[in-house]
mmCIF file of all heavy atoms, coordinates in Angstrom:
data_MODEL
# 
_entry.id   MODEL 
# 
loop_
_atom_site.group_PDB 
_atom_site.id 
_atom_site.type_symbol 
_atom_site.label_atom_id 
_atom_site.label_alt_id 
_atom_site.label_comp_id 
_atom_site.label_asym_id 
_atom_site.label_entity_id 
_atom_site.label_seq_id 
_atom_site.pdbx_PDB_ins_code 
_atom_site.Cartn_x 
_atom_site.Cartn_y 
_atom_site.Cartn_z 
_atom_site.occupancy 
_atom_site.B_iso_or_equiv 
_atom_site.pdbx_formal_charge 
_atom_site.auth_seq_id 
_atom_site.auth_comp_id 
_atom_site.auth_asym_id 
_atom_site.auth_atom_id 
_atom_site.pdbx_PDB_model_num 
ATOM 1   N N   . PRO A 1 1  ? 3.453  53.384 -64.097 1.00 0.00 ? 1  PRO A N   1 
ATOM 2   C CA  . PRO A 1 1  ? 3.821  52.118 -63.697 1.00 0.00 ? 1  PRO A CA  1 
ATOM 3   C C   . PRO A 1 1  ? 2.527  51.330 -63.204 1.00 0.00 ? 1  PRO A C   1 
ATOM 4   O O   . PRO A 1 1  ? 1.824  51.827 -62.324 1.00 0.00 ? 1  PRO A O   1 
ATOM 5   C CB  . PRO A 1 1  ? 4.709  52.448 -62.419 1.00 0.00 ? 1  PRO A CB  1 
ATOM 6   C CG  . PRO A 1 1  ? 4.310  53.841 -62.022 1.00 0.00 ? 1  PRO A CG  1 
ATOM 7   C CD  . PRO A 1 1  ? 3.843  54.492 -63.252 1.00 0.00 ? 1  PRO A CD  1 
ATOM 8   N N   . MET A 1 2  ? 2.227  50.292 -63.856 1.00 0.00 ? 2  MET A N   1 
ATOM 9   C CA  . MET A 1 2  ? 1.084  49.476 -63.515 1.00 0.00 ? 2  MET A CA  1 
ATOM 10  C C   . MET A 1 2  ? 1.461  48.106 -63.254 1.00 0.00 ? 2  MET A C   1 
ATOM 11  O O   . MET A 1 2  ? 2.035  47.392 -64.095 1.00 0.00 ? 2  MET A O   1 
ATOM 12  C CB  . MET A 1 2  ? 0.062  49.589 -64.663 1.00 0.00 ? 2  MET A CB  1 
ATOM 13  C CG  . MET A 1 2  ? -0.569 50.936 -64.879 1.00 0.00 ? 2  MET A CG  1 
ATOM 14  S SD  . MET A 1 2  ? -1.674 51.003 -66.251 1.00 0.00 ? 2  MET A SD  1 
ATOM 15  C CE  . MET A 1 2  ? -0.546 51.057 -67.719 1.00 0.00 ? 2  MET A CE  1 
ATOM 16  N N   . GLU A 1 3  ? 1.141  47.522 -62.126 1.00 0.00 ? 3  GLU A N   1 
ATOM 17  C CA  . GLU A 1 3  ? 1.375  46.135 -61.713 1.00 0.00 ? 3  GLU A CA  1 
ATOM 18  C C   . GLU A 1 3  ? 0.775  45.220 -62.688 1.00 0.00 ? 3  GLU A C   1 
ATOM 19  O O   . GLU A 1 3  ? -0.465 45.250 -63.118 1.00 0.00 ? 3  GLU A O   1 
ATOM 20  C CB  . GLU A 1 3  ? 0.827  45.848 -60.330 1.00 0.00 ? 3  GLU A CB  1 
ATOM 21  C CG  . GLU A 1 3  ? 1.061  44.407 -59.861 1.00 0.00 ? 3  GLU A CG  1 
ATOM 22  C CD  . GLU A 1 3  ? 2.538  44.160 -59.447 1.00 0.00 ? 3  GLU A CD  1 
ATOM 23  O OE1 . GLU A 1 3  ? 3.374  45.000 -59.777 1.00 0.00 ? 3  GLU A OE1 1 
ATOM 24  O OE2 . GLU A 1 3  ? 2.829  43.080 -59.094 1.00 0.00 ? 3  GLU A OE2 1 
ATOM 25  N N   . ASP A 1 4  ? 1.613  44.208 -63.126 1.00 0.00 ? 4  ASP A N   1 
ATOM 26  C CA  . ASP A 1 4  ? 1.202  43.117 -64.055 1.00 0.00 ? 4  ASP A CA  1 
ATOM 27  C C   . ASP A 1 4  ? 0.796  43.771 -65.541 1.00 0.00 ? 4  ASP A C   1 
ATOM 28  O O   . ASP A 1 4  ? 0.160  43.025 -66.259 1.00 0.00 ? 4  ASP A O   1 
ATOM 29  C CB  . ASP A 1 4  ? 0.125  42.255 -63.579 1.00 0.00 ? 4  ASP A CB  1 
ATOM 30  C CG  . ASP A 1 4  ? 0.474  41.516 -62.301 1.00 0.00 ? 4  ASP A CG  1 
ATOM 31  O OD1 . ASP A 1 4  ? 1.705  41.128 -62.267 1.00 0.00 ? 4  ASP A OD1 1 
ATOM 32  O OD2 . ASP A 1 4  ? -0.366 41.232 -61.461 1.00 0.00 ? 4  ASP A OD2 1 
ATOM 33  N N   . VAL A 1 5  ? 1.128  45.025 -65.739 1.00 0.00 ? 5  VAL A N   1 
ATOM 34  C CA  . VAL A 1 5  ? 0.902  45.691 -67.055 1.00 0.00 ? 5  VAL A CA  1 
ATOM 35  C C   . VAL A 1 5  ? 2.092  46.191 -67.719 1.00 0.00 ? 5  VAL A C   1 
ATOM 36  O O   . VAL A 1 5  ? 2.528  45.922 -68.758 1.00 0.00 ? 5  VAL A O   1 
ATOM 37  C CB  . VAL A 1 5  ? -0.225 46.732 -66.907 1.00 0.00 ? 5  VAL A CB  1 
ATOM 38  C CG1 . VAL A 1 5  ? -0.327 47.438 -68.269 1.00 0.00 ? 5  VAL A CG1 1 
ATOM 39  C CG2 . VAL A 1 5  ? -1.516 46.106 -66.520 1.00 0.00 ? 5  VAL A CG2 1 
ATOM 40  N N   . SER A 1 6  ? 2.766  47.139 -66.850 1.00 0.00 ? 6  SER A N   1 
ATOM 41  C CA  . SER A 1 6  ? 3.968  47.891 -67.436 1.00 0.00 ? 6  SER A CA  1 
ATOM 42  C C   . SER A 1 6  ? 5.295  47.020 -67.487 1.00 0.00 ? 6  SER A C   1 
ATOM 43  O O   . SER A 1 6  ? 6.296  47.447 -66.912 1.00 0.00 ? 6  SER A O   1 
ATOM 44  C CB  . SER A 1 6  ? 4.158  49.137 -66.685 1.00 0.00 ? 6  SER A CB  1 
ATOM 45  O OG  . SER A 1 6  ? 2.942  49.951 -66.621 1.00 0.00 ? 6  SER A OG  1 
ATOM 46  N N   . ASP A 1 7  ? 5.169  45.830 -68.016 1.00 0.00 ? 7  ASP A N   1 
ATOM 47  C CA  . ASP A 1 7  ? 6.286  44.944 -68.163 1.00 0.00 ? 7  ASP A CA  1 
ATOM 48  C C   . ASP A 1 7  ? 7.027  45.227 -69.437 1.00 0.00 ? 7  ASP A C   1 
ATOM 49  O O   . ASP A 1 7  ? 6.557  46.005 -70.330 1.00 0.00 ? 7  ASP A O   1 
ATOM 50  C CB  . ASP A 1 7  ? 5.879  43.520 -68.042 1.00 0.00 ? 7  ASP A CB  1 
ATOM 51  C CG  . ASP A 1 7  ? 4.775  43.141 -69.070 1.00 0.00 ? 7  ASP A CG  1 
ATOM 52  O OD1 . ASP A 1 7  ? 4.633  43.841 -70.066 1.00 0.00 ? 7  ASP A OD1 1 
ATOM 53  O OD2 . ASP A 1 7  ? 4.224  42.018 -68.885 1.00 0.00 ? 7  ASP A OD2 1 
ATOM 54  N N   . PRO A 1 8  ? 8.208  44.684 -69.625 1.00 0.00 ? 8  PRO A N   1 
ATOM 55  C CA  . PRO A 1 8  ? 8.930  44.911 -70.932 1.00 0.00 ? 8  PRO A CA  1 
ATOM 56  C C   . PRO A 1 8  ? 8.159  44.620 -72.199 1.00 0.00 ? 8  PRO A C   1 
ATOM 57  O O   . PRO A 1 8  ? 8.263  45.470 -73.102 1.00 0.00 ? 8  PRO A O   1 
ATOM 58  C CB  . PRO A 1 8  ? 10.119 44.023 -70.855 1.00 0.00 ? 8  PRO A CB  1 
ATOM 59  C CG  . PRO A 1 8  ? 10.390 43.905 -69.368 1.00 0.00 ? 8  PRO A CG  1 
ATOM 60  C CD  . PRO A 1 8  ? 8.995  43.818 -68.765 1.00 0.00 ? 8  PRO A CD  1 
ATOM 61  N N   . PRO A 1 9  ? 7.296  43.609 -72.348 1.00 0.00 ? 9  PRO A N   1 
ATOM 62  C CA  . PRO A 1 9  ? 6.590  43.479 -73.575 1.00 0.00 ? 9  PRO A CA  1 
ATOM 63  C C   . PRO A 1 9  ? 5.681  44.643 -73.771 1.00 0.00 ? 9  PRO A C   1 
ATOM 64  O O   . PRO A 1 9  ? 5.546  45.099 -74.953 1.00 0.00 ? 9  PRO A O   1 
ATOM 65  C CB  . PRO A 1 9  ? 5.819  42.181 -73.336 1.00 0.00 ? 9  PRO A CB  1 
ATOM 66  C CG  . PRO A 1 9  ? 6.639  41.425 -72.359 1.00 0.00 ? 9  PRO A CG  1 
ATOM 67  C CD  . PRO A 1 9  ? 7.216  42.436 -71.470 1.00 0.00 ? 9  PRO A CD  1 
ATOM 68  N N   . PHE A 1 10 ? 4.990  45.101 -72.784 1.00 0.00 ? 10 PHE A N   1 
ATOM 69  C CA  . PHE A 1 10 ? 4.063  46.185 -73.040 1.00 0.00 ? 10 PHE A CA  1 
ATOM 70  C C   . PHE A 1 10 ? 4.786  47.470 -73.261 1.00 0.00 ? 10 PHE A C   1 
ATOM 71  O O   . PHE A 1 10 ? 4.349  48.264 -73.985 1.00 0.00 ? 10 PHE A O   1 
ATOM 72  C CB  . PHE A 1 10 ? 3.129  46.400 -71.782 1.00 0.00 ? 10 PHE A CB  1 
ATOM 73  C CG  . PHE A 1 10 ? 2.038  47.343 -71.944 1.00 0.00 ? 10 PHE A CG  1 
ATOM 74  C CD1 . PHE A 1 10 ? 1.156  47.323 -73.005 1.00 0.00 ? 10 PHE A CD1 1 
ATOM 75  C CD2 . PHE A 1 10 ? 1.909  48.366 -71.080 1.00 0.00 ? 10 PHE A CD2 1 
ATOM 76  C CE1 . PHE A 1 10 ? 0.149  48.344 -73.130 1.00 0.00 ? 10 PHE A CE1 1 
ATOM 77  C CE2 . PHE A 1 10 ? 0.992  49.432 -71.172 1.00 0.00 ? 10 PHE A CE2 1 
ATOM 78  C CZ  . PHE A 1 10 ? 0.175  49.450 -72.209 1.00 0.00 ? 10 PHE A CZ  1 
ATOM 79  N N   . ARG A 1 11 ? 5.857  47.657 -72.452 1.00 0.00 ? 11 ARG A N   1 
ATOM 80  C CA  . ARG A 1 11 ? 6.669  48.871 -72.651 1.00 0.00 ? 11 ARG A CA  1 
ATOM 81  C C   . ARG A 1 11 ? 7.184  48.957 -74.107 1.00 0.00 ? 11 ARG A C   1 
ATOM 82  O O   . ARG A 1 11 ? 7.299  50.030 -74.665 1.00 0.00 ? 11 ARG A O   1 
ATOM 83  C CB  . ARG A 1 11 ? 7.848  48.968 -71.629 1.00 0.00 ? 11 ARG A CB  1 
ATOM 84  C CG  . ARG A 1 11 ? 7.254  49.056 -70.223 1.00 0.00 ? 11 ARG A CG  1 
ATOM 85  C CD  . ARG A 1 11 ? 8.374  49.563 -69.287 1.00 0.00 ? 11 ARG A CD  1 
ATOM 86  N NE  . ARG A 1 11 ? 9.560  48.776 -69.295 1.00 0.00 ? 11 ARG A NE  1 
ATOM 87  C CZ  . ARG A 1 11 ? 9.882  47.799 -68.384 1.00 0.00 ? 11 ARG A CZ  1 
ATOM 88  N NH1 . ARG A 1 11 ? 9.012  47.492 -67.455 1.00 0.00 ? 11 ARG A NH1 1 
ATOM 89  N NH2 . ARG A 1 11 ? 11.046 47.153 -68.388 1.00 0.00 ? 11 ARG A NH2 1 
ATOM 90  N N   . ALA A 1 12 ? 7.540  47.850 -74.610 1.00 0.00 ? 12 ALA A N   1 
ATOM 91  C CA  . ALA A 1 12 ? 8.097  47.828 -75.997 1.00 0.00 ? 12 ALA A CA  1 
ATOM 92  C C   . ALA A 1 12 ? 7.076  48.409 -77.029 1.00 0.00 ? 12 ALA A C   1 
ATOM 93  O O   . ALA A 1 12 ? 7.428  49.288 -77.883 1.00 0.00 ? 12 ALA A O   1 
ATOM 94  C CB  . ALA A 1 12 ? 8.458  46.349 -76.448 1.00 0.00 ? 12 ALA A CB  1 
ATOM 95  N N   . VAL A 1 13 ? 5.773  48.073 -76.913 1.00 0.00 ? 13 VAL A N   1 
ATOM 96  C CA  . VAL A 1 13 ? 4.851  48.604 -77.924 1.00 0.00 ? 13 VAL A CA  1 
ATOM 97  C C   . VAL A 1 13 ? 4.486  49.927 -77.658 1.00 0.00 ? 13 VAL A C   1 
ATOM 98  O O   . VAL A 1 13 ? 4.143  50.728 -78.501 1.00 0.00 ? 13 VAL A O   1 
ATOM 99  C CB  . VAL A 1 13 ? 3.602  47.612 -78.018 1.00 0.00 ? 13 VAL A CB  1 
ATOM 100 C CG1 . VAL A 1 13 ? 4.053  46.251 -78.568 1.00 0.00 ? 13 VAL A CG1 1 
ATOM 101 C CG2 . VAL A 1 13 ? 2.912  47.420 -76.744 1.00 0.00 ? 13 VAL A CG2 1 
ATOM 102 N N   . CYS A 1 14 ? 4.551  50.357 -76.365 1.00 0.00 ? 14 CYS A N   1 
ATOM 103 C CA  . CYS A 1 14 ? 4.267  51.779 -75.972 1.00 0.00 ? 14 CYS A CA  1 
ATOM 104 C C   . CYS A 1 14 ? 5.253  52.710 -76.472 1.00 0.00 ? 14 CYS A C   1 
ATOM 105 O O   . CYS A 1 14 ? 5.081  53.817 -76.966 1.00 0.00 ? 14 CYS A O   1 
ATOM 106 C CB  . CYS A 1 14 ? 4.035  51.955 -74.500 1.00 0.00 ? 14 CYS A CB  1 
ATOM 107 S SG  . CYS A 1 14 ? 2.532  51.248 -73.911 1.00 0.00 ? 14 CYS A SG  1 
ATOM 108 N N   . LYS A 1 15 ? 6.601  52.217 -76.331 1.00 0.00 ? 15 LYS A N   1 
ATOM 109 C CA  . LYS A 1 15 ? 7.799  53.080 -76.799 1.00 0.00 ? 15 LYS A CA  1 
ATOM 110 C C   . LYS A 1 15 ? 7.579  53.270 -78.380 1.00 0.00 ? 15 LYS A C   1 
ATOM 111 O O   . LYS A 1 15 ? 7.847  54.350 -78.792 1.00 0.00 ? 15 LYS A O   1 
ATOM 112 C CB  . LYS A 1 15 ? 8.973  52.324 -76.424 1.00 0.00 ? 15 LYS A CB  1 
ATOM 113 C CG  . LYS A 1 15 ? 10.220 53.237 -76.712 1.00 0.00 ? 15 LYS A CG  1 
ATOM 114 C CD  . LYS A 1 15 ? 10.255 54.456 -75.810 1.00 0.00 ? 15 LYS A CD  1 
ATOM 115 C CE  . LYS A 1 15 ? 11.550 55.292 -75.987 1.00 0.00 ? 15 LYS A CE  1 
ATOM 116 N NZ  . LYS A 1 15 ? 11.634 56.423 -75.072 1.00 0.00 ? 15 LYS A NZ  1 
ATOM 117 N N   . GLU A 1 16 ? 7.318  52.140 -79.075 1.00 0.00 ? 16 GLU A N   1 
ATOM 118 C CA  . GLU A 1 16 ? 7.190  52.305 -80.501 1.00 0.00 ? 16 GLU A CA  1 
ATOM 119 C C   . GLU A 1 16 ? 6.105  53.209 -80.861 1.00 0.00 ? 16 GLU A C   1 
ATOM 120 O O   . GLU A 1 16 ? 6.120  53.821 -82.012 1.00 0.00 ? 16 GLU A O   1 
ATOM 121 C CB  . GLU A 1 16 ? 6.953  50.871 -81.091 1.00 0.00 ? 16 GLU A CB  1 
ATOM 122 C CG  . GLU A 1 16 ? 8.139  50.000 -81.086 1.00 0.00 ? 16 GLU A CG  1 
ATOM 123 C CD  . GLU A 1 16 ? 7.818  48.666 -81.873 1.00 0.00 ? 16 GLU A CD  1 
ATOM 124 O OE1 . GLU A 1 16 ? 6.687  48.378 -82.193 1.00 0.00 ? 16 GLU A OE1 1 
ATOM 125 O OE2 . GLU A 1 16 ? 8.754  47.861 -81.883 1.00 0.00 ? 16 GLU A OE2 1 
ATOM 126 N N   . ASN A 1 17 ? 5.131  53.378 -79.966 1.00 0.00 ? 17 ASN A N   1 
ATOM 127 C CA  . ASN A 1 17 ? 4.068  54.331 -80.387 1.00 0.00 ? 17 ASN A CA  1 
ATOM 128 C C   . ASN A 1 17 ? 3.992  55.648 -79.603 1.00 0.00 ? 17 ASN A C   1 
ATOM 129 O O   . ASN A 1 17 ? 2.986  56.224 -79.411 1.00 0.00 ? 17 ASN A O   1 
ATOM 130 C CB  . ASN A 1 17 ? 2.667  53.524 -80.135 1.00 0.00 ? 17 ASN A CB  1 
ATOM 131 C CG  . ASN A 1 17 ? 2.516  52.464 -81.196 1.00 0.00 ? 17 ASN A CG  1 
ATOM 132 O OD1 . ASN A 1 17 ? 1.998  52.772 -82.214 1.00 0.00 ? 17 ASN A OD1 1 
ATOM 133 N ND2 . ASN A 1 17 ? 2.848  51.263 -80.924 1.00 0.00 ? 17 ASN A ND2 1 
ATOM 134 N N   . GLY A 1 18 ? 5.225  56.062 -79.220 1.00 0.00 ? 18 GLY A N   1 
ATOM 135 C CA  . GLY A 1 18 ? 5.243  57.395 -78.733 1.00 0.00 ? 18 GLY A CA  1 
ATOM 136 C C   . GLY A 1 18 ? 5.454  57.788 -77.315 1.00 0.00 ? 18 GLY A C   1 
ATOM 137 O O   . GLY A 1 18 ? 5.565  58.977 -76.955 1.00 0.00 ? 18 GLY A O   1 
ATOM 138 N N   . ALA A 1 19 ? 5.536  56.743 -76.460 1.00 0.00 ? 19 ALA A N   1 
ATOM 139 C CA  . ALA A 1 19 ? 5.814  57.144 -75.038 1.00 0.00 ? 19 ALA A CA  1 
ATOM 140 C C   . ALA A 1 19 ? 7.190  57.705 -74.835 1.00 0.00 ? 19 ALA A C   1 
ATOM 141 O O   . ALA A 1 19 ? 8.184  57.174 -75.391 1.00 0.00 ? 19 ALA A O   1 
ATOM 142 C CB  . ALA A 1 19 ? 5.629  55.874 -74.157 1.00 0.00 ? 19 ALA A CB  1 
ATOM 143 N N   . ASP A 1 20 ? 7.264  58.821 -74.084 1.00 0.00 ? 20 ASP A N   1 
ATOM 144 C CA  . ASP A 1 20 ? 8.550  59.487 -73.987 1.00 0.00 ? 20 ASP A CA  1 
ATOM 145 C C   . ASP A 1 20 ? 9.254  59.000 -72.734 1.00 0.00 ? 20 ASP A C   1 
ATOM 146 O O   . ASP A 1 20 ? 10.596 58.993 -72.751 1.00 0.00 ? 20 ASP A O   1 
ATOM 147 C CB  . ASP A 1 20 ? 8.251  60.935 -73.761 1.00 0.00 ? 20 ASP A CB  1 
ATOM 148 C CG  . ASP A 1 20 ? 7.695  61.652 -75.020 1.00 0.00 ? 20 ASP A CG  1 
ATOM 149 O OD1 . ASP A 1 20 ? 8.319  61.518 -76.119 1.00 0.00 ? 20 ASP A OD1 1 
ATOM 150 O OD2 . ASP A 1 20 ? 6.634  62.220 -74.972 1.00 0.00 ? 20 ASP A OD2 1 
ATOM 151 N N   . LEU A 1 21 ? 8.644  58.612 -71.647 1.00 0.00 ? 21 LEU A N   1 
ATOM 152 C CA  . LEU A 1 21 ? 9.345  58.177 -70.512 1.00 0.00 ? 21 LEU A CA  1 
ATOM 153 C C   . LEU A 1 21 ? 8.428  57.075 -69.886 1.00 0.00 ? 21 LEU A C   1 
ATOM 154 O O   . LEU A 1 21 ? 7.128  57.225 -69.780 1.00 0.00 ? 21 LEU A O   1 
ATOM 155 C CB  . LEU A 1 21 ? 9.514  59.345 -69.484 1.00 0.00 ? 21 LEU A CB  1 
ATOM 156 C CG  . LEU A 1 21 ? 10.082 58.840 -68.109 1.00 0.00 ? 21 LEU A CG  1 
ATOM 157 C CD1 . LEU A 1 21 ? 11.459 58.256 -68.221 1.00 0.00 ? 21 LEU A CD1 1 
ATOM 158 C CD2 . LEU A 1 21 ? 10.057 60.120 -67.085 1.00 0.00 ? 21 LEU A CD2 1 
ATOM 159 N N   . MET A 1 22 ? 9.036  55.956 -69.527 1.00 0.00 ? 22 MET A N   1 
ATOM 160 C CA  . MET A 1 22 ? 8.316  54.762 -68.977 1.00 0.00 ? 22 MET A CA  1 
ATOM 161 C C   . MET A 1 22 ? 8.841  54.384 -67.693 1.00 0.00 ? 22 MET A C   1 
ATOM 162 O O   . MET A 1 22 ? 10.007 54.549 -67.351 1.00 0.00 ? 22 MET A O   1 
ATOM 163 C CB  . MET A 1 22 ? 8.226  53.599 -70.026 1.00 0.00 ? 22 MET A CB  1 
ATOM 164 C CG  . MET A 1 22 ? 7.726  54.060 -71.337 1.00 0.00 ? 22 MET A CG  1 
ATOM 165 S SD  . MET A 1 22 ? 7.550  52.667 -72.451 1.00 0.00 ? 22 MET A SD  1 
ATOM 166 C CE  . MET A 1 22 ? 9.339  52.233 -72.680 1.00 0.00 ? 22 MET A CE  1 
ATOM 167 N N   . TYR A 1 23 ? 8.047  53.797 -66.850 1.00 0.00 ? 23 TYR A N   1 
ATOM 168 C CA  . TYR A 1 23 ? 8.425  53.280 -65.579 1.00 0.00 ? 23 TYR A CA  1 
ATOM 169 C C   . TYR A 1 23 ? 8.117  51.720 -65.533 1.00 0.00 ? 23 TYR A C   1 
ATOM 170 O O   . TYR A 1 23 ? 7.166  51.279 -66.153 1.00 0.00 ? 23 TYR A O   1 
ATOM 171 C CB  . TYR A 1 23 ? 7.763  53.932 -64.397 1.00 0.00 ? 23 TYR A CB  1 
ATOM 172 C CG  . TYR A 1 23 ? 8.121  55.292 -64.237 1.00 0.00 ? 23 TYR A CG  1 
ATOM 173 C CD1 . TYR A 1 23 ? 7.435  56.412 -64.811 1.00 0.00 ? 23 TYR A CD1 1 
ATOM 174 C CD2 . TYR A 1 23 ? 9.246  55.689 -63.437 1.00 0.00 ? 23 TYR A CD2 1 
ATOM 175 C CE1 . TYR A 1 23 ? 7.936  57.770 -64.612 1.00 0.00 ? 23 TYR A CE1 1 
ATOM 176 C CE2 . TYR A 1 23 ? 9.637  56.973 -63.213 1.00 0.00 ? 23 TYR A CE2 1 
ATOM 177 C CZ  . TYR A 1 23 ? 8.947  57.982 -63.824 1.00 0.00 ? 23 TYR A CZ  1 
ATOM 178 O OH  . TYR A 1 23 ? 9.264  59.265 -63.640 1.00 0.00 ? 23 TYR A OH  1 
ATOM 179 N N   . THR A 1 24 ? 8.870  50.992 -64.764 1.00 0.00 ? 24 THR A N   1 
ATOM 180 C CA  . THR A 1 24 ? 8.603  49.559 -64.570 1.00 0.00 ? 24 THR A CA  1 
ATOM 181 C C   . THR A 1 24 ? 7.439  49.428 -63.700 1.00 0.00 ? 24 THR A C   1 
ATOM 182 O O   . THR A 1 24 ? 6.829  50.371 -63.174 1.00 0.00 ? 24 THR A O   1 
ATOM 183 C CB  . THR A 1 24 ? 9.787  48.910 -63.762 1.00 0.00 ? 24 THR A CB  1 
ATOM 184 O OG1 . THR A 1 24 ? 9.932  49.552 -62.498 1.00 0.00 ? 24 THR A OG1 1 
ATOM 185 C CG2 . THR A 1 24 ? 11.156 49.122 -64.595 1.00 0.00 ? 24 THR A CG2 1 
ATOM 186 N N   . GLU A 1 25 ? 6.875  48.255 -63.557 1.00 0.00 ? 25 GLU A N   1 
ATOM 187 C CA  . GLU A 1 25 ? 5.948  47.890 -62.607 1.00 0.00 ? 25 GLU A CA  1 
ATOM 188 C C   . GLU A 1 25 ? 6.590  48.164 -61.203 1.00 0.00 ? 25 GLU A C   1 
ATOM 189 O O   . GLU A 1 25 ? 7.819  48.243 -61.084 1.00 0.00 ? 25 GLU A O   1 
ATOM 190 C CB  . GLU A 1 25 ? 5.673  46.398 -62.568 1.00 0.00 ? 25 GLU A CB  1 
ATOM 191 C CG  . GLU A 1 25 ? 5.138  45.801 -63.847 1.00 0.00 ? 25 GLU A CG  1 
ATOM 192 C CD  . GLU A 1 25 ? 5.140  44.327 -63.884 1.00 0.00 ? 25 GLU A CD  1 
ATOM 193 O OE1 . GLU A 1 25 ? 4.257  43.712 -63.344 1.00 0.00 ? 25 GLU A OE1 1 
ATOM 194 O OE2 . GLU A 1 25 ? 6.073  43.768 -64.506 1.00 0.00 ? 25 GLU A OE2 1 
# 
């Protein structure tokens, strides 16, 4: 979870590229 980074747009491209579990900002 990173402030002003881990938002839905960024999470979308991370998920497509292999992230298994993500957290919101």
